[in-house]
Amino acid sequence: MNTLTTVDLQRRGIAAIEEALAFGPVHIMKHNKPAAVILRESEYQHLIQTQSRKQNPGAAHWIMNYKPAGLRSKEEIDRQIANERNSWDLV
């Protein structure tokens, strides 16, 4: 794990972060416990986009996973549609 202590951060500032980022995400340790993680902007954007796709997978995903809750059978629906179409001819 790529770590940086708060003492190092206070002493060396942004230079310490830039050096550590060369090896991946930087875990900031405070009192020997993880306190924060610093990522490159590109890594952060990738993380946000991945989360967004998981939360909003899109219409195709919704359609593929849709479970109908109706109580009518296919035959009943077809019969109703046929009746409606027949009523159009009368007008």
PDB file of N, CA and C in Angstrom:
ATOM      1  N   MET A   1       0.854  -1.177   0.000  1.00  0.00           N
ATOM      2  CA  MET A   1       0.000   0.000   0.000  1.00  0.00           C
ATOM      3  C   MET A   1       0.895   1.234   0.000  1.00  0.00           C
ATOM      4  N   ASN A   2       0.567   2.183  -0.839  1.00  0.00           N
ATOM      5  CA  ASN A   2       1.296   3.427  -0.993  1.00  0.00           C
ATOM      6  C   ASN A   2       0.795   4.414   0.064  1.00  0.00           C
ATOM      7  N   THR A   3       1.585   4.654   1.106  1.00  0.00           N
ATOM      8  CA  THR A   3       1.116   5.480   2.221  1.00  0.00           C
ATOM      9  C   THR A   3       1.962   6.736   2.400  1.00  0.00           C
ATOM     10  N   LEU A   4       1.324   7.700   3.025  1.00  0.00           N
ATOM     11  CA  LEU A   4       1.977   8.960   3.372  1.00  0.00           C
ATOM     12  C   LEU A   4       1.395   9.381   4.712  1.00  0.00           C
ATOM     13  N   THR A   5       2.244   9.709   5.661  1.00  0.00           N
ATOM     14  CA  THR A   5       1.742  10.127   6.972  1.00  0.00           C
ATOM     15  C   THR A   5       1.396  11.614   6.949  1.00  0.00           C
ATOM     16  N   THR A   6       0.545  12.008   7.860  1.00  0.00           N
ATOM     17  CA  THR A   6       0.192  13.427   7.940  1.00  0.00           C
ATOM     18  C   THR A   6       1.412  14.265   8.305  1.00  0.00           C
ATOM     19  N   VAL A   7       2.343  13.686   9.049  1.00  0.00           N
ATOM     20  CA  VAL A   7       3.569  14.406   9.413  1.00  0.00           C
ATOM     21  C   VAL A   7       4.388  14.691   8.152  1.00  0.00           C
ATOM     22  N   ASP A   8       4.553  13.664   7.280  1.00  0.00           N
ATOM     23  CA  ASP A   8       5.268  13.871   6.011  1.00  0.00           C
ATOM     24  C   ASP A   8       4.559  14.904   5.146  1.00  0.00           C
ATOM     25  N   LEU A   9       3.248  14.822   5.126  1.00  0.00           N
ATOM     26  CA  LEU A   9       2.467  15.747   4.326  1.00  0.00           C
ATOM     27  C   LEU A   9       2.653  17.185   4.824  1.00  0.00           C
ATOM     28  N   GLN A  10       2.643  17.377   6.125  1.00  0.00           N
ATOM     29  CA  GLN A  10       2.839  18.716   6.684  1.00  0.00           C
ATOM     30  C   GLN A  10       4.256  19.217   6.408  1.00  0.00           C
ATOM     31  N   ARG A  11       5.199  18.314   6.490  1.00  0.00           N
ATOM     32  CA  ARG A  11       6.607  18.701   6.326  1.00  0.00           C
ATOM     33  C   ARG A  11       6.950  18.977   4.864  1.00  0.00           C
ATOM     34  N   ARG A  12       6.485  18.101   3.948  1.00  0.00           N
ATOM     35  CA  ARG A  12       6.919  18.185   2.552  1.00  0.00           C
ATOM     36  C   ARG A  12       5.863  18.748   1.607  1.00  0.00           C
ATOM     37  N   GLY A  13       4.608  18.790   2.034  1.00  0.00           N
ATOM     38  CA  GLY A  13       3.554  19.388   1.225  1.00  0.00           C
ATOM     39  C   GLY A  13       3.219  18.609  -0.031  1.00  0.00           C
ATOM     40  N   ILE A  14       2.839  19.346  -1.078  1.00  0.00           N
ATOM     41  CA  ILE A  14       2.357  18.753  -2.320  1.00  0.00           C
ATOM     42  C   ILE A  14       3.427  17.902  -3.009  1.00  0.00           C
ATOM     43  N   ALA A  15       4.686  18.213  -2.795  1.00  0.00           N
ATOM     44  CA  ALA A  15       5.765  17.428  -3.410  1.00  0.00           C
ATOM     45  C   ALA A  15       5.694  15.977  -2.946  1.00  0.00           C
ATOM     46  N   ALA A  16       5.374  15.762  -1.693  1.00  0.00           N
ATOM     47  CA  ALA A  16       5.262  14.399  -1.162  1.00  0.00           C
ATOM     48  C   ALA A  16       4.121  13.656  -1.851  1.00  0.00           C
ATOM     49  N   ILE A  17       3.021  14.350  -2.083  1.00  0.00           N
ATOM     50  CA  ILE A  17       1.874  13.728  -2.755  1.00  0.00           C
ATOM     51  C   ILE A  17       2.220  13.389  -4.196  1.00  0.00           C
ATOM     52  N   GLU A  18       2.832  14.341  -4.905  1.00  0.00           N
ATOM     53  CA  GLU A  18       3.184  14.106  -6.308  1.00  0.00           C
ATOM     54  C   GLU A  18       4.132  12.917  -6.464  1.00  0.00           C
ATOM     55  N   GLU A  19       5.094  12.813  -5.590  1.00  0.00           N
ATOM     56  CA  GLU A  19       6.026  11.679  -5.642  1.00  0.00           C
ATOM     57  C   GLU A  19       5.305  10.360  -5.377  1.00  0.00           C
ATOM     58  N   ALA A  20       4.455  10.351  -4.379  1.00  0.00           N
ATOM     59  CA  ALA A  20       3.748   9.122  -4.017  1.00  0.00           C
ATOM     60  C   ALA A  20       2.751   8.710  -5.102  1.00  0.00           C
ATOM     61  N   LEU A  21       2.121   9.667  -5.784  1.00  0.00           N
ATOM     62  CA  LEU A  21       1.151   9.352  -6.830  1.00  0.00           C
ATOM     63  C   LEU A  21       1.773   8.604  -8.008  1.00  0.00           C
ATOM     64  N   ALA A  22       3.069   8.714  -8.154  1.00  0.00           N
ATOM     65  CA  ALA A  22       3.760   7.984  -9.228  1.00  0.00           C
ATOM     66  C   ALA A  22       3.610   6.476  -9.042  1.00  0.00           C
ATOM     67  N   PHE A  23       3.302   6.044  -7.823  1.00  0.00           N
ATOM     68  CA  PHE A  23       3.173   4.621  -7.520  1.00  0.00           C
ATOM     69  C   PHE A  23       1.722   4.183  -7.319  1.00  0.00           C
ATOM     70  N   GLY A  24       0.760   5.074  -7.623  1.00  0.00           N
ATOM     71  CA  GLY A  24      -0.647   4.733  -7.486  1.00  0.00           C
ATOM     72  C   GLY A  24      -1.328   5.588  -6.440  1.00  0.00           C
ATOM     73  N   PRO A  25      -2.561   5.221  -6.078  1.00  0.00           N
ATOM     74  CA  PRO A  25      -3.296   5.980  -5.069  1.00  0.00           C
ATOM     75  C   PRO A  25      -2.506   6.101  -3.766  1.00  0.00           C
ATOM     76  N   VAL A  26      -2.630   7.246  -3.111  1.00  0.00           N
ATOM     77  CA  VAL A  26      -1.879   7.518  -1.886  1.00  0.00           C
ATOM     78  C   VAL A  26      -2.828   7.459  -0.694  1.00  0.00           C
ATOM     79  N   HIS A  27      -2.509   6.596   0.242  1.00  0.00           N
ATOM     80  CA  HIS A  27      -3.304   6.466   1.467  1.00  0.00           C
ATOM     81  C   HIS A  27      -2.673   7.358   2.526  1.00  0.00           C
ATOM     82  N   ILE A  28      -3.430   8.305   3.023  1.00  0.00           N
ATOM     83  CA  ILE A  28      -2.950   9.219   4.059  1.00  0.00           C
ATOM     84  C   ILE A  28      -3.230   8.578   5.419  1.00  0.00           C
ATOM     85  N   MET A  29      -2.182   8.453   6.215  1.00  0.00           N
ATOM     86  CA  MET A  29      -2.288   7.830   7.534  1.00  0.00           C
ATOM     87  C   MET A  29      -2.217   8.907   8.616  1.00  0.00           C
ATOM     88  N   LYS A  30      -3.160   8.864   9.540  1.00  0.00           N
ATOM     89  CA  LYS A  30      -3.178   9.794  10.666  1.00  0.00           C
ATOM     90  C   LYS A  30      -3.266   8.961  11.936  1.00  0.00           C
ATOM     91  N   HIS A  31      -2.313   9.106  12.803  1.00  0.00           N
ATOM     92  CA  HIS A  31      -2.222   8.325  14.035  1.00  0.00           C
ATOM     93  C   HIS A  31      -2.243   6.817  13.712  1.00  0.00           C
ATOM     94  N   ASN A  32      -1.506   6.437  12.679  1.00  0.00           N
ATOM     95  CA  ASN A  32      -1.375   5.048  12.235  1.00  0.00           C
ATOM     96  C   ASN A  32      -2.684   4.415  11.776  1.00  0.00           C
ATOM     97  N   LYS A  33      -3.646   5.241  11.377  1.00  0.00           N
ATOM     98  CA  LYS A  33      -4.918   4.744  10.853  1.00  0.00           C
ATOM     99  C   LYS A  33      -5.192   5.414   9.515  1.00  0.00           C
ATOM    100  N   PRO A  34      -5.787   4.691   8.568  1.00  0.00           N
ATOM    101  CA  PRO A  34      -6.117   5.306   7.283  1.00  0.00           C
ATOM    102  C   PRO A  34      -7.103   6.461   7.479  1.00  0.00           C
ATOM    103  N   ALA A  35      -6.786   7.617   6.892  1.00  0.00           N
ATOM    104  CA  ALA A  35      -7.639   8.789   7.051  1.00  0.00           C
ATOM    105  C   ALA A  35      -8.226   9.258   5.720  1.00  0.00           C
ATOM    106  N   ALA A  36      -7.487   9.051   4.620  1.00  0.00           N
ATOM    107  CA  ALA A  36      -7.955   9.525   3.322  1.00  0.00           C
ATOM    108  C   ALA A  36      -7.167   8.823   2.217  1.00  0.00           C
ATOM    109  N   VAL A  37      -7.684   8.947   0.994  1.00  0.00           N
ATOM    110  CA  VAL A  37      -6.990   8.415  -0.177  1.00  0.00           C
ATOM    111  C   VAL A  37      -6.946   9.515  -1.220  1.00  0.00           C
ATOM    112  N   ILE A  38      -5.790   9.706  -1.823  1.00  0.00           N
ATOM    113  CA  ILE A  38      -5.627  10.690  -2.887  1.00  0.00           C
ATOM    114  C   ILE A  38      -5.422   9.939  -4.196  1.00  0.00           C
ATOM    115  N   LEU A  39      -6.205  10.326  -5.214  1.00  0.00           N
ATOM    116  CA  LEU A  39      -6.138   9.699  -6.532  1.00  0.00           C
ATOM    117  C   LEU A  39      -5.746  10.730  -7.580  1.00  0.00           C
ATOM    118  N   ARG A  40      -5.201  10.253  -8.690  1.00  0.00           N
ATOM    119  CA  ARG A  40      -5.017  11.123  -9.850  1.00  0.00           C
ATOM    120  C   ARG A  40      -6.403  11.452 -10.394  1.00  0.00           C
ATOM    121  N   GLU A  41      -6.530  12.577 -11.061  1.00  0.00           N
ATOM    122  CA  GLU A  41      -7.817  12.995 -11.611  1.00  0.00           C
ATOM    123  C   GLU A  41      -8.385  11.935 -12.552  1.00  0.00           C
ATOM    124  N   SER A  42      -7.553  11.346 -13.390  1.00  0.00           N
ATOM    125  CA  SER A  42      -8.036  10.333 -14.337  1.00  0.00           C
ATOM    126  C   SER A  42      -8.587   9.108 -13.611  1.00  0.00           C
ATOM    127  N   GLU A  43      -7.945   8.704 -12.518  1.00  0.00           N
ATOM    128  CA  GLU A  43      -8.430   7.562 -11.738  1.00  0.00           C
ATOM    129  C   GLU A  43      -9.759   7.891 -11.065  1.00  0.00           C
ATOM    130  N   TYR A  44      -9.882   9.110 -10.586  1.00  0.00           N
ATOM    131  CA  TYR A  44     -11.123   9.549  -9.939  1.00  0.00           C
ATOM    132  C   TYR A  44     -12.268   9.561 -10.956  1.00  0.00           C
ATOM    133  N   GLN A  45     -12.027  10.115 -12.149  1.00  0.00           N
ATOM    134  CA  GLN A  45     -13.063  10.168 -13.180  1.00  0.00           C
ATOM    135  C   GLN A  45     -13.495   8.763 -13.592  1.00  0.00           C
ATOM    136  N   HIS A  46     -12.544   7.849 -13.703  1.00  0.00           N
ATOM    137  CA  HIS A  46     -12.871   6.458 -14.042  1.00  0.00           C
ATOM    138  C   HIS A  46     -13.764   5.846 -12.953  1.00  0.00           C
ATOM    139  N   LEU A  47     -13.444   6.103 -11.717  1.00  0.00           N
ATOM    140  CA  LEU A  47     -14.233   5.597 -10.594  1.00  0.00           C
ATOM    141  C   LEU A  47     -15.653   6.156 -10.630  1.00  0.00           C
ATOM    142  N   ILE A  48     -15.792   7.448 -10.878  1.00  0.00           N
ATOM    143  CA  ILE A  48     -17.106   8.092 -10.945  1.00  0.00           C
ATOM    144  C   ILE A  48     -17.925   7.525 -12.102  1.00  0.00           C
ATOM    145  N   GLN A  49     -17.311   7.351 -13.258  1.00  0.00           N
ATOM    146  CA  GLN A  49     -18.028   6.812 -14.418  1.00  0.00           C
ATOM    147  C   GLN A  49     -18.472   5.382 -14.177  1.00  0.00           C
ATOM    148  N   THR A  50     -17.649   4.585 -13.541  1.00  0.00           N
ATOM    149  CA  THR A  50     -18.003   3.206 -13.228  1.00  0.00           C
ATOM    150  C   THR A  50     -19.196   3.177 -12.277  1.00  0.00           C
ATOM    151  N   GLN A  51     -19.179   4.028 -11.263  1.00  0.00           N
ATOM    152  CA  GLN A  51     -20.301   4.104 -10.318  1.00  0.00           C
ATOM    153  C   GLN A  51     -21.579   4.549 -11.020  1.00  0.00           C
ATOM    154  N   SER A  52     -21.446   5.530 -11.900  1.00  0.00           N
ATOM    155  CA  SER A  52     -22.609   6.052 -12.610  1.00  0.00           C
ATOM    156  C   SER A  52     -23.258   4.956 -13.454  1.00  0.00           C
ATOM    157  N   ARG A  53     -22.451   4.143 -14.121  1.00  0.00           N
ATOM    158  CA  ARG A  53     -22.998   3.059 -14.934  1.00  0.00           C
ATOM    159  C   ARG A  53     -23.711   2.025 -14.079  1.00  0.00           C
ATOM    160  N   LYS A  54     -23.202   1.777 -12.903  1.00  0.00           N
ATOM    161  CA  LYS A  54     -23.841   0.801 -12.016  1.00  0.00           C
ATOM    162  C   LYS A  54     -25.174   1.322 -11.501  1.00  0.00           C
ATOM    163  N   GLN A  55     -25.256   2.613 -11.226  1.00  0.00           N
ATOM    164  CA  GLN A  55     -26.481   3.201 -10.688  1.00  0.00           C
ATOM    165  C   GLN A  55     -27.517   3.468 -11.771  1.00  0.00           C
ATOM    166  N   ASN A  56     -27.085   3.730 -12.997  1.00  0.00           N
ATOM    167  CA  ASN A  56     -27.994   4.049 -14.092  1.00  0.00           C
ATOM    168  C   ASN A  56     -27.585   3.244 -15.321  1.00  0.00           C
ATOM    169  N   PRO A  57     -27.934   1.967 -15.358  1.00  0.00           N
ATOM    170  CA  PRO A  57     -27.448   1.109 -16.433  1.00  0.00           C
ATOM    171  C   PRO A  57     -28.082   1.377 -17.794  1.00  0.00           C
ATOM    172  N   GLY A  58     -29.147   2.151 -17.864  1.00  0.00           N
ATOM    173  CA  GLY A  58     -29.742   2.497 -19.136  1.00  0.00           C
ATOM    174  C   GLY A  58     -30.993   1.687 -19.445  1.00  0.00           C
ATOM    175  N   ALA A  59     -31.664   2.106 -20.517  1.00  0.00           N
ATOM    176  CA  ALA A  59     -32.947   1.511 -20.892  1.00  0.00           C
ATOM    177  C   ALA A  59     -32.815   0.049 -21.297  1.00  0.00           C
ATOM    178  N   ALA A  60     -31.777  -0.287 -22.055  1.00  0.00           N
ATOM    179  CA  ALA A  60     -31.631  -1.675 -22.513  1.00  0.00           C
ATOM    180  C   ALA A  60     -31.528  -2.637 -21.327  1.00  0.00           C
ATOM    181  N   HIS A  61     -30.774  -2.248 -20.325  1.00  0.00           N
ATOM    182  CA  HIS A  61     -30.638  -3.086 -19.137  1.00  0.00           C
ATOM    183  C   HIS A  61     -31.985  -3.227 -18.433  1.00  0.00           C
ATOM    184  N   TRP A  62     -32.733  -2.128 -18.340  1.00  0.00           N
ATOM    185  CA  TRP A  62     -34.041  -2.161 -17.683  1.00  0.00           C
ATOM    186  C   TRP A  62     -34.984  -3.092 -18.435  1.00  0.00           C
ATOM    187  N   ILE A  63     -35.012  -2.986 -19.748  1.00  0.00           N
ATOM    188  CA  ILE A  63     -35.905  -3.827 -20.550  1.00  0.00           C
ATOM    189  C   ILE A  63     -35.544  -5.302 -20.405  1.00  0.00           C
ATOM    190  N   MET A  64     -34.259  -5.603 -20.454  1.00  0.00           N
ATOM    191  CA  MET A  64     -33.819  -7.004 -20.356  1.00  0.00           C
ATOM    192  C   MET A  64     -34.164  -7.610 -18.997  1.00  0.00           C
ATOM    193  N   ASN A  65     -34.207  -6.797 -17.966  1.00  0.00           N
ATOM    194  CA  ASN A  65     -34.472  -7.305 -16.618  1.00  0.00           C
ATOM    195  C   ASN A  65     -35.895  -7.051 -16.139  1.00  0.00           C
ATOM    196  N   TYR A  66     -36.763  -6.532 -17.005  1.00  0.00           N
ATOM    197  CA  TYR A  66     -38.125  -6.197 -16.622  1.00  0.00           C
ATOM    198  C   TYR A  66     -38.926  -7.464 -16.333  1.00  0.00           C
ATOM    199  N   LYS A  67     -39.610  -7.470 -15.227  1.00  0.00           N
ATOM    200  CA  LYS A  67     -40.489  -8.577 -14.842  1.00  0.00           C
ATOM    201  C   LYS A  67     -41.917  -8.048 -14.829  1.00  0.00           C
ATOM    202  N   PRO A  68     -42.743  -8.477 -15.782  1.00  0.00           N
ATOM    203  CA  PRO A  68     -44.111  -7.960 -15.826  1.00  0.00           C
ATOM    204  C   PRO A  68     -44.886  -8.322 -14.563  1.00  0.00           C
ATOM    205  N   ALA A  69     -45.719  -7.392 -14.133  1.00  0.00           N
ATOM    206  CA  ALA A  69     -46.491  -7.614 -12.915  1.00  0.00           C
ATOM    207  C   ALA A  69     -47.983  -7.767 -13.211  1.00  0.00           C
ATOM    208  N   GLY A  70     -48.342  -7.726 -14.491  1.00  0.00           N
ATOM    209  CA  GLY A  70     -49.747  -7.815 -14.863  1.00  0.00           C
ATOM    210  C   GLY A  70     -50.328  -9.197 -14.618  1.00  0.00           C
ATOM    211  N   LEU A  71     -51.658  -9.229 -14.515  1.00  0.00           N
ATOM    212  CA  LEU A  71     -52.334 -10.492 -14.237  1.00  0.00           C
ATOM    213  C   LEU A  71     -53.007 -11.066 -15.477  1.00  0.00           C
ATOM    214  N   ARG A  72     -53.028 -10.303 -16.591  1.00  0.00           N
ATOM    215  CA  ARG A  72     -53.676 -10.793 -17.803  1.00  0.00           C
ATOM    216  C   ARG A  72     -52.744 -11.711 -18.587  1.00  0.00           C
ATOM    217  N   SER A  73     -53.326 -12.686 -19.238  1.00  0.00           N
ATOM    218  CA  SER A  73     -52.537 -13.589 -20.075  1.00  0.00           C
ATOM    219  C   SER A  73     -52.323 -12.951 -21.443  1.00  0.00           C
ATOM    220  N   LYS A  74     -51.426 -13.527 -22.202  1.00  0.00           N
ATOM    221  CA  LYS A  74     -51.173 -13.051 -23.554  1.00  0.00           C
ATOM    222  C   LYS A  74     -52.447 -13.142 -24.389  1.00  0.00           C
ATOM    223  N   GLU A  75     -53.189 -14.222 -24.219  1.00  0.00           N
ATOM    224  CA  GLU A  75     -54.422 -14.412 -24.983  1.00  0.00           C
ATOM    225  C   GLU A  75     -55.436 -13.309 -24.681  1.00  0.00           C
ATOM    226  N   GLU A  76     -55.552 -12.933 -23.399  1.00  0.00           N
ATOM    227  CA  GLU A  76     -56.483 -11.867 -23.024  1.00  0.00           C
ATOM    228  C   GLU A  76     -56.080 -10.532 -23.657  1.00  0.00           C
ATOM    229  N   ILE A  77     -54.805 -10.251 -23.639  1.00  0.00           N
ATOM    230  CA  ILE A  77     -54.312  -9.004 -24.229  1.00  0.00           C
ATOM    231  C   ILE A  77     -54.550  -9.009 -25.733  1.00  0.00           C
ATOM    232  N   ASP A  78     -54.237 -10.128 -26.405  1.00  0.00           N
ATOM    233  CA  ASP A  78     -54.466 -10.233 -27.852  1.00  0.00           C
ATOM    234  C   ASP A  78     -55.944 -10.056 -28.192  1.00  0.00           C
ATOM    235  N   ARG A  79     -56.822 -10.642 -27.382  1.00  0.00           N
ATOM    236  CA  ARG A  79     -58.259 -10.529 -27.605  1.00  0.00           C
ATOM    237  C   ARG A  79     -58.712  -9.068 -27.468  1.00  0.00           C
ATOM    238  N   GLN A  80     -58.216  -8.362 -26.446  1.00  0.00           N
ATOM    239  CA  GLN A  80     -58.570  -6.964 -26.252  1.00  0.00           C
ATOM    240  C   GLN A  80     -58.079  -6.117 -27.426  1.00  0.00           C
ATOM    241  N   ILE A  81     -56.873  -6.357 -27.888  1.00  0.00           N
ATOM    242  CA  ILE A  81     -56.337  -5.613 -29.031  1.00  0.00           C
ATOM    243  C   ILE A  81     -57.181  -5.875 -30.274  1.00  0.00           C
ATOM    244  N   ALA A  82     -57.535  -7.134 -30.513  1.00  0.00           N
ATOM    245  CA  ALA A  82     -58.362  -7.479 -31.675  1.00  0.00           C
ATOM    246  C   ALA A  82     -59.715  -6.783 -31.595  1.00  0.00           C
ATOM    247  N   ASN A  83     -60.329  -6.749 -30.419  1.00  0.00           N
ATOM    248  CA  ASN A  83     -61.616  -6.068 -30.242  1.00  0.00           C
ATOM    249  C   ASN A  83     -61.501  -4.577 -30.537  1.00  0.00           C
ATOM    250  N   GLU A  84     -60.394  -3.968 -30.059  1.00  0.00           N
ATOM    251  CA  GLU A  84     -60.185  -2.542 -30.311  1.00  0.00           C
ATOM    252  C   GLU A  84     -59.990  -2.275 -31.795  1.00  0.00           C
ATOM    253  N   ARG A  85     -59.237  -3.122 -32.462  1.00  0.00           N
ATOM    254  CA  ARG A  85     -59.025  -2.954 -33.903  1.00  0.00           C
ATOM    255  C   ARG A  85     -60.318  -3.125 -34.678  1.00  0.00           C
ATOM    256  N   ASN A  86     -61.144  -4.085 -34.260  1.00  0.00           N
ATOM    257  CA  ASN A  86     -62.428  -4.283 -34.926  1.00  0.00           C
ATOM    258  C   ASN A  86     -63.332  -3.067 -34.776  1.00  0.00           C
ATOM    259  N   SER A  87     -63.256  -2.407 -33.633  1.00  0.00           N
ATOM    260  CA  SER A  87     -64.093  -1.222 -33.421  1.00  0.00           C
ATOM    261  C   SER A  87     -63.663  -0.073 -34.332  1.00  0.00           C
ATOM    262  N   TRP A  88     -62.421  -0.044 -34.768  1.00  0.00           N
ATOM    263  CA  TRP A  88     -61.947   1.000 -35.675  1.00  0.00           C
ATOM    264  C   TRP A  88     -62.628   0.888 -37.042  1.00  0.00           C
ATOM    265  N   ASP A  89     -62.882  -0.360 -37.468  1.00  0.00           N
ATOM    266  CA  ASP A  89     -63.489  -0.581 -38.785  1.00  0.00           C
ATOM    267  C   ASP A  89     -64.914  -0.057 -38.825  1.00  0.00           C
ATOM    268  N   LEU A  90     -65.579  -0.018 -37.695  1.00  0.00           N
ATOM    269  CA  LEU A  90     -66.967   0.401 -37.639  1.00  0.00           C
ATOM    270  C   LEU A  90     -67.115   1.911 -37.801  1.00  0.00           C
ATOM    271  N   VAL A  91     -66.108   2.653 -37.507  1.00  0.00           N
ATOM    272  CA  VAL A  91     -66.197   4.114 -37.540  1.00  0.00           C
ATOM    273  C   VAL A  91     -66.034   4.634 -38.942  1.00  0.00           C
TER     274      VAL A  91
END
